[in-house]
Amino acid sequence: MEQMQNYLERLSVLVIEDNQGDFILIEDYLLEKFKNVEIVHCPDYATSVDFLAKSKDRISVVLLDLNLPDLVGVELIRSIIAHNVKVPIIVLTGYSDLAMAKSSLQIGVYDYLVKDEISPTILQKTIIYALHRSRFINQIEDEKRKFENLFNFSPQPTWLLDSQSLRILQANIAAQNTYGFSLDEFLQMSFTHLHPKGQGERIEQKFTSNDGQISGDHFTHVLRSGKEITVDIYFREIDETTMSGLIVQVNDVSEVVKHINTIEVQNTQLRNIAWTQSHVVRAPLSRMLGIVNLIELKAGSFDELLFCLQQLRISSIELNDIIVGIVEESNHIEHE
């Protein structure tokens, strides 16, 4: 309210009116009701468009006569709106035309006043109402743009779905780039079409679970190219008076899952290596230790000693082969 009061204290009004007498009357009404008002007068459409294009000062509100020498009616309204998007426009006319009033409001005019019915109080209230409404609409538009920017420029593929049919209502740029479908193609699809056969019913059950995050479950998505990727799916429900829907976002975890699977394979291989070290290596090593112990305890004939040395050599070669195998397997795991 304080912000609006400050806005009214520096009110700037553009009056587009070809009748000098009507302009003077409107000017008197404005000066009577507003303490600090700047009034700009343009007598025709061309002058007003030129002013709007060149003026650096912000106009608070436009009072527009509907019948100007160079442009009239709906075409005039559309042209002024095109040059003056965010500023509220109040139409002034010399006669009552309900059809024109309705058309004007539908186009984007904030109010429609008949000149003979205007008083200082009516004009003041109309302007204040238009400013409040304009501020509210601009705030909604700003929030809408922020949401659209967050949606469209999110790096994660994101969709807006109909909550009942799961039909795709919107798809952001990341979804289009990642999946290879255009926006028009997405709008002809259901979200379940991105899943291979057999997952459609499962994803529908997940969306009705009120979980909000489909955690612990990986899903498969099929790109336009036919390539399959593994994804995690997250969603939130939108519940508004005009629509109900789901915001759905996916995270491609294909590389993560592949990496985890690789680690699991490597762990299996490492367990096999550990088993080899603890069992297979022990056999020739035990024999070698036994032979050495036998030589130390009982130095028999030369033939007996030669036999022991031959067995020791066989066990050494066997142990070396086992160690070489372990190194090769370890190198294979490292390269993977």
Protein backbone atom coordinates (compact mmCIF):
# COMPACT_ATOMS: atom_id res chain seq x y z
CA MET A 1 0.00 0.00 0.00
CA GLU A 2 2.91 2.34 0.83
CA GLN A 3 4.47 1.55 -2.55
CA MET A 4 1.19 2.35 -4.31
CA GLN A 5 0.87 5.62 -2.38
CA ASN A 6 4.34 6.65 -3.51
CA TYR A 7 3.37 5.71 -7.04
CA LEU A 8 0.27 7.93 -6.88
CA GLU A 9 2.29 10.83 -5.52
CA ARG A 10 4.31 10.88 -8.74
CA LEU A 11 1.47 10.12 -11.11
CA SER A 12 2.12 10.65 -14.83
CA VAL A 13 -0.91 10.61 -17.15
CA LEU A 14 -0.87 10.52 -20.94
CA VAL A 15 -4.14 11.94 -22.33
CA ILE A 16 -4.68 11.09 -26.00
CA GLU A 17 -7.56 13.38 -26.94
CA ASP A 18 -8.22 15.43 -30.09
CA ASN A 19 -10.94 17.62 -28.50
CA GLN A 20 -9.25 20.47 -26.65
CA GLY A 21 -12.33 21.18 -24.51
CA ASP A 22 -12.54 17.55 -23.35
CA PHE A 23 -8.82 17.57 -22.58
CA ILE A 24 -9.11 20.71 -20.41
CA LEU A 25 -11.99 19.13 -18.47
CA ILE A 26 -10.03 15.90 -17.88
CA GLU A 27 -6.98 17.97 -16.88
CA ASP A 28 -9.03 19.89 -14.29
CA TYR A 29 -10.36 16.62 -12.82
CA LEU A 30 -6.85 15.20 -12.51
CA LEU A 31 -5.42 18.34 -10.89
CA GLU A 32 -8.33 18.42 -8.45
CA LYS A 33 -7.88 14.83 -7.20
CA PHE A 34 -4.14 14.17 -7.42
CA LYS A 35 -1.58 16.23 -5.51
CA ASN A 36 1.39 15.66 -7.78
CA VAL A 37 0.39 14.75 -11.29
CA GLU A 38 2.18 15.26 -14.57
CA ILE A 39 -0.16 15.45 -17.56
CA VAL A 40 0.98 14.91 -21.12
CA HIS A 41 -1.39 15.74 -23.98
CA CYS A 42 -1.27 14.16 -27.45
CA PRO A 43 -3.98 15.22 -29.94
CA ASP A 44 -3.75 12.21 -32.28
CA TYR A 45 -2.50 8.66 -32.66
CA ALA A 46 0.73 9.52 -34.50
CA THR A 47 1.83 12.04 -31.88
CA SER A 48 1.10 9.64 -29.02
CA VAL A 49 3.05 6.77 -30.61
CA ASP A 50 6.00 9.09 -31.23
CA PHE A 51 5.89 10.23 -27.60
CA LEU A 52 5.74 6.68 -26.26
CA ALA A 53 8.69 5.67 -28.43
CA LYS A 54 10.91 8.61 -27.45
CA SER A 55 9.92 9.36 -23.86
CA LYS A 56 12.32 8.22 -21.14
CA ASP A 57 9.83 9.00 -18.37
CA ARG A 58 7.48 6.26 -17.26
CA ILE A 59 3.78 6.87 -17.88
CA SER A 60 1.49 5.73 -15.05
CA VAL A 61 -1.75 5.51 -17.02
CA VAL A 62 -3.13 6.33 -20.49
CA LEU A 63 -6.50 8.02 -21.01
CA LEU A 64 -7.45 7.24 -24.61
CA ASP A 65 -10.17 8.92 -26.67
CA LEU A 66 -11.64 6.23 -28.89
CA ASN A 67 -12.13 8.49 -31.94
CA LEU A 68 -8.95 10.19 -33.15
CA PRO A 69 -8.44 11.91 -36.51
CA ASP A 70 -5.97 9.30 -37.78
CA LEU A 71 -7.24 6.09 -36.11
CA VAL A 72 -10.39 4.93 -34.33
CA GLY A 73 -12.01 2.03 -32.46
CA VAL A 74 -10.56 -1.41 -31.92
CA GLU A 75 -7.67 -0.86 -34.32
CA LEU A 76 -6.64 2.21 -32.30
CA ILE A 77 -6.75 0.25 -29.04
CA ARG A 78 -4.69 -2.61 -30.44
CA SER A 79 -2.06 -0.22 -31.80
CA ILE A 80 -1.70 1.70 -28.53
CA ILE A 81 -1.43 -1.55 -26.55
CA ALA A 82 1.25 -2.77 -28.97
CA HIS A 83 3.34 0.33 -28.23
CA ASN A 84 2.54 0.45 -24.52
CA VAL A 85 2.43 -3.04 -23.02
CA LYS A 86 2.57 -2.63 -19.25
CA VAL A 87 0.77 0.67 -18.68
CA PRO A 88 -3.00 0.51 -18.00
CA ILE A 89 -5.23 2.09 -20.65
CA ILE A 90 -8.59 3.68 -19.84
CA VAL A 91 -10.80 4.35 -22.84
CA LEU A 92 -12.78 7.61 -23.02
CA THR A 93 -15.65 7.91 -25.49
CA GLY A 94 -18.45 10.37 -26.19
CA TYR A 95 -21.14 7.71 -26.42
CA SER A 96 -22.18 4.50 -24.69
CA ASP A 97 -21.52 1.39 -26.73
CA LEU A 98 -21.73 -1.81 -24.70
CA ALA A 99 -20.43 -3.99 -27.54
CA MET A 100 -17.40 -1.75 -27.97
CA ALA A 101 -16.86 -1.63 -24.22
CA LYS A 102 -16.89 -5.42 -24.05
CA SER A 103 -14.51 -5.72 -27.00
CA SER A 104 -12.17 -3.16 -25.45
CA LEU A 105 -11.97 -5.00 -22.16
CA GLN A 106 -11.34 -8.30 -23.93
CA ILE A 107 -8.46 -6.76 -25.88
CA GLY A 108 -6.74 -5.50 -22.74
CA VAL A 109 -8.23 -2.11 -21.81
CA TYR A 110 -8.55 -1.64 -18.06
CA ASP A 111 -11.76 0.40 -18.07
CA TYR A 112 -14.25 2.14 -20.33
CA LEU A 113 -15.70 5.55 -19.42
CA VAL A 114 -18.34 7.66 -21.15
CA LYS A 115 -17.21 11.30 -21.09
CA ASP A 116 -20.61 12.74 -20.08
CA GLU A 117 -20.65 10.44 -17.03
CA ILE A 118 -17.13 11.24 -15.82
CA SER A 119 -16.67 13.19 -12.59
CA PRO A 120 -13.47 13.94 -10.64
CA THR A 121 -14.28 11.17 -8.14
CA ILE A 122 -15.14 8.59 -10.81
CA LEU A 123 -11.94 9.39 -12.72
CA GLN A 124 -9.85 9.19 -9.54
CA LYS A 125 -11.31 5.85 -8.49
CA THR A 126 -10.96 4.45 -12.01
CA ILE A 127 -7.29 5.42 -12.20
CA ILE A 128 -6.49 4.05 -8.74
CA TYR A 129 -8.30 0.80 -9.52
CA ALA A 130 -6.46 0.52 -12.85
CA LEU A 131 -3.09 1.09 -11.15
CA HIS A 132 -3.80 -1.53 -8.49
CA ARG A 133 -4.96 -4.02 -11.09
CA SER A 134 -1.99 -3.27 -13.34
CA ARG A 135 0.46 -3.77 -10.49
CA PHE A 136 -1.19 -7.06 -9.59
CA ILE A 137 -1.23 -8.29 -13.21
CA ASN A 138 2.41 -7.26 -13.76
CA GLN A 139 3.39 -9.09 -10.58
CA ILE A 140 1.63 -12.23 -11.81
CA GLU A 141 3.31 -11.88 -15.22
CA ASP A 142 6.72 -11.49 -13.56
CA GLU A 143 6.16 -14.60 -11.47
CA LYS A 144 4.98 -16.44 -14.56
CA ARG A 145 8.11 -15.43 -16.47
CA LYS A 146 10.32 -16.50 -13.58
CA PHE A 147 8.62 -19.89 -13.48
CA GLU A 148 8.88 -20.27 -17.26
CA ASN A 149 12.58 -19.41 -17.12
CA LEU A 150 13.19 -21.89 -14.30
CA PHE A 151 11.24 -24.52 -16.22
CA ASN A 152 12.65 -23.91 -19.69
CA PHE A 153 16.28 -23.36 -18.75
CA SER A 154 16.61 -26.10 -16.16
CA PRO A 155 19.52 -28.37 -17.20
CA GLN A 156 17.42 -31.41 -16.27
CA PRO A 157 14.74 -32.73 -18.68
CA THR A 158 11.44 -31.50 -17.23
CA TRP A 159 7.79 -31.96 -18.25
CA LEU A 160 4.40 -30.65 -17.21
CA LEU A 161 1.85 -33.49 -17.31
CA ASP A 162 -1.89 -33.82 -16.99
CA SER A 163 -2.27 -35.58 -13.65
CA GLN A 164 -5.02 -37.92 -14.85
CA SER A 165 -3.94 -39.03 -18.33
CA LEU A 166 -0.19 -38.24 -17.95
CA ARG A 167 -0.44 -36.46 -21.31
CA ILE A 168 2.51 -34.12 -21.85
CA LEU A 169 1.41 -30.46 -21.65
CA GLN A 170 4.85 -28.87 -21.81
CA ALA A 171 8.47 -29.99 -22.22
CA ASN A 172 11.52 -27.86 -21.53
CA ILE A 173 14.54 -27.30 -23.78
CA ALA A 174 16.66 -29.91 -21.98
CA ALA A 175 13.97 -32.55 -22.57
CA GLN A 176 13.79 -31.68 -26.27
CA ASN A 177 17.58 -31.74 -26.68
CA THR A 178 18.14 -34.91 -24.66
CA TYR A 179 15.29 -36.98 -26.10
CA GLY A 180 15.37 -35.69 -29.67
CA PHE A 181 11.63 -34.91 -29.84
CA SER A 182 10.35 -31.44 -30.77
CA LEU A 183 7.89 -29.67 -28.49
CA ASP A 184 5.04 -30.36 -30.95
CA GLU A 185 5.92 -34.06 -30.93
CA PHE A 186 6.01 -34.14 -27.13
CA LEU A 187 2.57 -32.50 -26.98
CA GLN A 188 1.14 -35.43 -28.93
CA MET A 189 2.53 -37.97 -26.45
CA SER A 190 1.82 -39.40 -23.03
CA PHE A 191 4.73 -39.60 -20.60
CA THR A 192 4.32 -43.38 -20.62
CA HIS A 193 5.31 -43.39 -24.31
CA LEU A 194 8.87 -42.67 -23.20
CA HIS A 195 8.96 -46.01 -21.37
CA PRO A 196 9.38 -49.43 -22.98
CA LYS A 197 6.46 -51.84 -22.89
CA GLY A 198 5.89 -53.21 -19.42
CA GLN A 199 6.83 -50.05 -17.52
CA GLY A 200 3.74 -47.98 -18.35
CA GLU A 201 1.55 -49.44 -15.60
CA ARG A 202 4.42 -49.29 -13.13
CA ILE A 203 5.05 -45.58 -13.74
CA GLU A 204 1.31 -44.82 -13.47
CA GLN A 205 1.25 -46.52 -10.06
CA LYS A 206 4.24 -44.48 -8.94
CA PHE A 207 2.63 -41.19 -9.95
CA THR A 208 -0.46 -42.01 -7.89
CA SER A 209 1.58 -43.03 -4.84
CA ASN A 210 1.90 -39.43 -3.55
CA ASP A 211 5.55 -40.21 -2.95
CA GLY A 212 6.77 -37.10 -4.74
CA GLN A 213 10.05 -38.82 -5.41
CA ILE A 214 10.30 -42.20 -7.06
CA SER A 215 13.26 -43.24 -4.97
CA GLY A 216 15.06 -46.52 -5.17
CA ASP A 217 13.56 -47.31 -8.59
CA HIS A 218 15.38 -46.91 -11.87
CA PHE A 219 13.33 -46.61 -15.05
CA THR A 220 14.23 -47.01 -18.69
CA HIS A 221 13.51 -44.22 -21.17
CA VAL A 222 13.70 -44.65 -24.93
CA LEU A 223 15.05 -41.72 -26.93
CA ARG A 224 13.85 -40.86 -30.43
CA SER A 225 17.01 -42.50 -31.79
CA GLY A 226 16.01 -45.77 -30.11
CA LYS A 227 18.78 -45.52 -27.53
CA GLU A 228 17.74 -46.54 -24.03
CA ILE A 229 18.86 -44.63 -20.95
CA THR A 230 18.38 -45.34 -17.26
CA VAL A 231 16.69 -42.54 -15.30
CA ASP A 232 15.54 -41.58 -11.82
CA ILE A 233 12.20 -39.76 -11.80
CA TYR A 234 11.07 -36.95 -9.47
CA PHE A 235 7.68 -35.23 -9.48
CA ARG A 236 5.51 -32.69 -7.67
CA GLU A 237 1.77 -32.14 -7.98
CA ILE A 238 0.27 -28.82 -9.08
CA ASP A 239 -3.20 -28.12 -7.74
CA GLU A 240 -4.77 -24.90 -9.02
CA THR A 241 -8.30 -23.77 -9.79
CA THR A 242 -7.71 -23.78 -13.54
CA MET A 243 -5.78 -27.02 -13.84
CA SER A 244 -4.18 -29.91 -12.04
CA GLY A 245 -0.95 -31.41 -13.20
CA LEU A 246 2.43 -32.85 -12.40
CA ILE A 247 5.88 -31.33 -12.73
CA VAL A 248 8.16 -34.24 -13.63
CA GLN A 249 11.94 -34.15 -13.79
CA VAL A 250 14.34 -36.95 -14.68
CA ASN A 251 17.99 -37.54 -14.00
CA ASP A 252 19.97 -39.68 -16.44
CA VAL A 253 21.82 -42.19 -14.26
CA SER A 254 22.97 -44.48 -17.07
CA GLU A 255 26.66 -43.81 -16.47
CA VAL A 256 26.23 -44.05 -12.70
CA VAL A 257 24.48 -47.42 -12.98
CA LYS A 258 27.10 -48.63 -15.46
CA HIS A 259 29.85 -47.51 -13.11
CA ILE A 260 28.23 -49.27 -10.17
CA ASN A 261 27.87 -52.46 -12.19
CA THR A 262 31.54 -52.22 -13.18
CA ILE A 263 32.52 -51.80 -9.54
CA GLU A 264 30.44 -54.84 -8.57
CA VAL A 265 32.16 -56.94 -11.25
CA GLN A 266 35.55 -55.67 -10.10
CA ASN A 267 34.69 -56.49 -6.49
CA THR A 268 33.83 -60.04 -7.55
CA GLN A 269 37.13 -60.33 -9.36
CA LEU A 270 39.00 -58.92 -6.38
CA ARG A 271 37.30 -61.44 -4.10
CA ASN A 272 38.46 -64.20 -6.46
CA ILE A 273 42.00 -62.84 -6.32
CA ALA A 274 41.87 -62.75 -2.52
CA TRP A 275 40.67 -66.36 -2.49
CA THR A 276 43.52 -67.30 -4.83
CA GLN A 277 46.01 -65.59 -2.58
CA SER A 278 44.70 -67.31 0.52
CA HIS A 279 44.27 -70.83 -0.91
CA VAL A 280 45.99 -71.48 -4.23
CA VAL A 281 49.22 -69.68 -3.34
CA ARG A 282 49.41 -71.46 0.00
CA ALA A 283 49.72 -74.96 -1.54
CA PRO A 284 53.04 -74.58 -3.44
CA LEU A 285 54.36 -72.30 -0.72
CA SER A 286 53.67 -74.93 1.94
CA ARG A 287 55.44 -77.55 -0.16
CA MET A 288 58.45 -75.29 -0.61
CA LEU A 289 58.67 -74.65 3.12
CA GLY A 290 58.36 -78.39 3.82
CA ILE A 291 61.17 -79.23 1.37
CA VAL A 292 63.46 -76.59 2.85
CA ASN A 293 62.70 -77.90 6.30
CA LEU A 294 63.45 -81.47 5.16
CA ILE A 295 66.83 -80.40 3.71
CA GLU A 296 67.72 -78.63 6.93
CA LEU A 297 66.72 -81.50 9.19
CA LYS A 298 67.96 -84.42 7.16
CA ALA A 299 70.73 -83.99 4.65
CA GLY A 300 70.65 -87.44 3.03
CA SER A 301 72.38 -88.77 -0.03
CA PHE A 302 73.01 -86.71 -3.10
CA ASP A 303 70.06 -88.32 -4.89
CA GLU A 304 67.72 -87.41 -2.06
CA LEU A 305 69.03 -83.84 -2.05
CA LEU A 306 68.66 -83.60 -5.84
CA PHE A 307 65.07 -84.87 -5.60
CA CYS A 308 64.24 -82.24 -2.98
CA LEU A 309 65.77 -79.49 -5.10
CA GLN A 310 63.78 -80.64 -8.14
CA GLN A 311 60.55 -80.53 -6.14
CA LEU A 312 61.51 -77.13 -4.84
CA ARG A 313 62.03 -75.90 -8.40
CA ILE A 314 58.64 -77.30 -9.52
CA SER A 315 56.87 -75.57 -6.63
CA SER A 316 58.73 -72.30 -7.32
CA ILE A 317 57.65 -72.34 -10.97
CA GLU A 318 54.06 -73.09 -9.92
CA LEU A 319 54.10 -70.23 -7.43
CA ASN A 320 55.55 -67.87 -10.04
CA ASP A 321 52.80 -68.82 -12.50
CA ILE A 322 50.16 -68.12 -9.87
CA ILE A 323 51.67 -64.72 -9.05
CA VAL A 324 51.87 -63.79 -12.75
CA GLY A 325 48.20 -64.73 -13.09
CA ILE A 326 47.24 -62.54 -10.14
CA VAL A 327 49.17 -59.57 -11.59
CA GLU A 328 47.55 -59.99 -15.01
CA GLU A 329 44.07 -60.19 -13.51
CA SER A 330 44.73 -57.12 -11.37
CA ASN A 331 45.95 -55.19 -14.43
CA HIS A 332 42.80 -56.24 -16.29
CA ILE A 333 40.60 -54.86 -13.52
CA GLU A 334 42.57 -51.59 -13.51
CA HIS A 335 42.11 -51.14 -17.27
CA GLU A 336 38.36 -51.73 -16.95
